[in-house]
C-alpha atoms as a PDB file:
ATOM      1  CA  MET A   1       7.763   6.770   7.090  1.00  0.00           C
ATOM      2  CA  ALA A   2       6.038   3.605   6.783  1.00  0.00           C
ATOM      3  CA  LEU A   3       7.632   0.507   4.772  1.00  0.00           C
ATOM      4  CA  LEU A   4       5.664  -1.376   2.460  1.00  0.00           C
ATOM      5  CA  SER A   5       6.949  -4.352   4.133  1.00  0.00           C
ATOM      6  CA  ASP A   6       5.761  -3.617   7.697  1.00  0.00           C
ATOM      7  CA  LEU A   7       2.371  -2.828   6.117  1.00  0.00           C
ATOM      8  CA  ILE A   8       2.094  -6.417   4.599  1.00  0.00           C
ATOM      9  CA  ILE A   9       3.657  -7.863   7.625  1.00  0.00           C
ATOM     10  CA  HIS A  10       1.348  -6.415  10.716  1.00  0.00           C
ATOM     11  CA  ASN A  11      -1.666  -6.654   8.245  1.00  0.00           C
ATOM     12  CA  PRO A  12      -2.264 -10.385   7.532  1.00  0.00           C
ATOM     13  CA  ASP A  13      -6.034 -10.336   7.093  1.00  0.00           C
ATOM     14  CA  VAL A  14      -5.302  -8.685   3.702  1.00  0.00           C
ATOM     15  CA  GLN A  15      -5.084 -10.638   0.976  1.00  0.00           C
ATOM     16  CA  SER A  16      -5.244  -8.932  -2.588  1.00  0.00           C
ATOM     17  CA  PHE A  17      -3.985  -5.837  -3.834  1.00  0.00           C
ATOM     18  CA  PRO A  18      -7.078  -3.984  -3.505  1.00  0.00           C
ATOM     19  CA  GLU A  19      -6.972  -4.449  -0.064  1.00  0.00           C
ATOM     20  CA  LEU A  20      -3.173  -3.494   0.135  1.00  0.00           C
ATOM     21  CA  LYS A  21      -4.469  -0.385  -1.739  1.00  0.00           C
ATOM     22  CA  GLN A  22      -7.286   0.475   1.034  1.00  0.00           C
ATOM     23  CA  LEU A  23      -4.610   0.212   3.923  1.00  0.00           C
ATOM     24  CA  VAL A  24      -2.002   2.417   2.316  1.00  0.00           C
ATOM     25  CA  ILE A  25      -4.988   4.819   1.484  1.00  0.00           C
ATOM     26  CA  LYS A  26      -5.568   4.842   5.213  1.00  0.00           C
ATOM     27  CA  THR A  27      -2.163   5.051   6.301  1.00  0.00           C
ATOM     28  CA  GLY A  28      -1.797   8.320   4.386  1.00  0.00           C
ATOM     29  CA  LYS A  29      -5.182   9.589   5.882  1.00  0.00           C
ATOM     30  CA  ASN A  30      -3.653   8.660   9.351  1.00  0.00           C
ATOM     31  CA  GLY A  31      -0.507  11.266   8.972  1.00  0.00           C
ATOM     32  CA  GLU A  32       2.333   8.961   7.569  1.00  0.00           C
ATOM     33  CA  ILE A  33       3.897  11.211   4.998  1.00  0.00           C
ATOM     34  CA  HIS A  34       6.316   8.868   3.165  1.00  0.00           C
ATOM     35  CA  LEU A  35       5.943   5.574   2.108  1.00  0.00           C
ATOM     36  CA  GLN A  36       8.929   3.186   1.047  1.00  0.00           C
ATOM     37  CA  PHE A  37       8.522   0.804  -1.512  1.00  0.00           C
ATOM     38  CA  ASP A  38      10.832  -2.009  -0.059  1.00  0.00           C
ATOM     39  CA  VAL A  39       9.276  -5.259  -1.230  1.00  0.00           C
ATOM     40  CA  LYS A  40       7.029  -5.860  -4.473  1.00  0.00           C
ATOM     41  CA  PRO A  41       3.573  -7.071  -3.266  1.00  0.00           C
ATOM     42  CA  ASP A  42       3.400 -10.857  -3.730  1.00  0.00           C
ATOM     43  CA  TYR A  43      -0.277 -10.995  -4.114  1.00  0.00           C
ATOM     44  CA  ARG A  44      -2.107 -12.865  -7.461  1.00  0.00           C
ATOM     45  CA  ASP A  45      -3.790  -9.638  -8.379  1.00  0.00           C
ATOM     46  CA  THR A  46      -0.551  -6.951  -8.104  1.00  0.00           C
ATOM     47  CA  PRO A  47      -0.458  -5.527 -11.182  1.00  0.00           C
ATOM     48  CA  ARG A  48       2.678  -4.269 -13.343  1.00  0.00           C
ATOM     49  CA  ASP A  49       2.000  -0.843 -12.344  1.00  0.00           C
ATOM     50  CA  TRP A  50       1.269  -1.484  -8.610  1.00  0.00           C
ATOM     51  CA  ALA A  51       4.070   1.275  -7.080  1.00  0.00           C
ATOM     52  CA  MET A  52       2.628   3.733  -9.410  1.00  0.00           C
ATOM     53  CA  GLN A  53      -1.158   2.828  -8.242  1.00  0.00           C
ATOM     54  CA  LEU A  54       0.025   2.430  -4.223  1.00  0.00           C
ATOM     55  CA  GLU A  55       1.682   5.730  -4.862  1.00  0.00           C
ATOM     56  CA  THR A  56      -1.005   7.694  -6.151  1.00  0.00           C
ATOM     57  CA  ALA A  57      -3.407   5.936  -3.554  1.00  0.00           C
ATOM     58  CA  PHE A  58      -0.826   6.919  -0.607  1.00  0.00           C
ATOM     59  CA  TYR A  59      -0.788  10.575  -1.562  1.00  0.00           C
ATOM     60  CA  TRP A  60      -4.545  11.302  -3.172  1.00  0.00           C
ATOM     61  CA  GLY A  61      -6.433   8.486  -1.065  1.00  0.00           C
ATOM     62  CA  ASP A  62      -9.265   7.556  -2.923  1.00  0.00           C
ATOM     63  CA  LYS A  63     -10.042  10.675  -5.037  1.00  0.00           C
END
């Protein structure tokens, strides 16, 4: 299980929500089967529906 906080902490080069979304896609493609949203991303461009967007990106990739 991947924690969103771990992804953010271990990837300090990610500086925006679109970059985080790409990281989440990559994490899903690398074999993780669960992603837990234990924190809200603290980027200036984080949208209101951030959880839905990240969940969709994790399970469906960039389709």
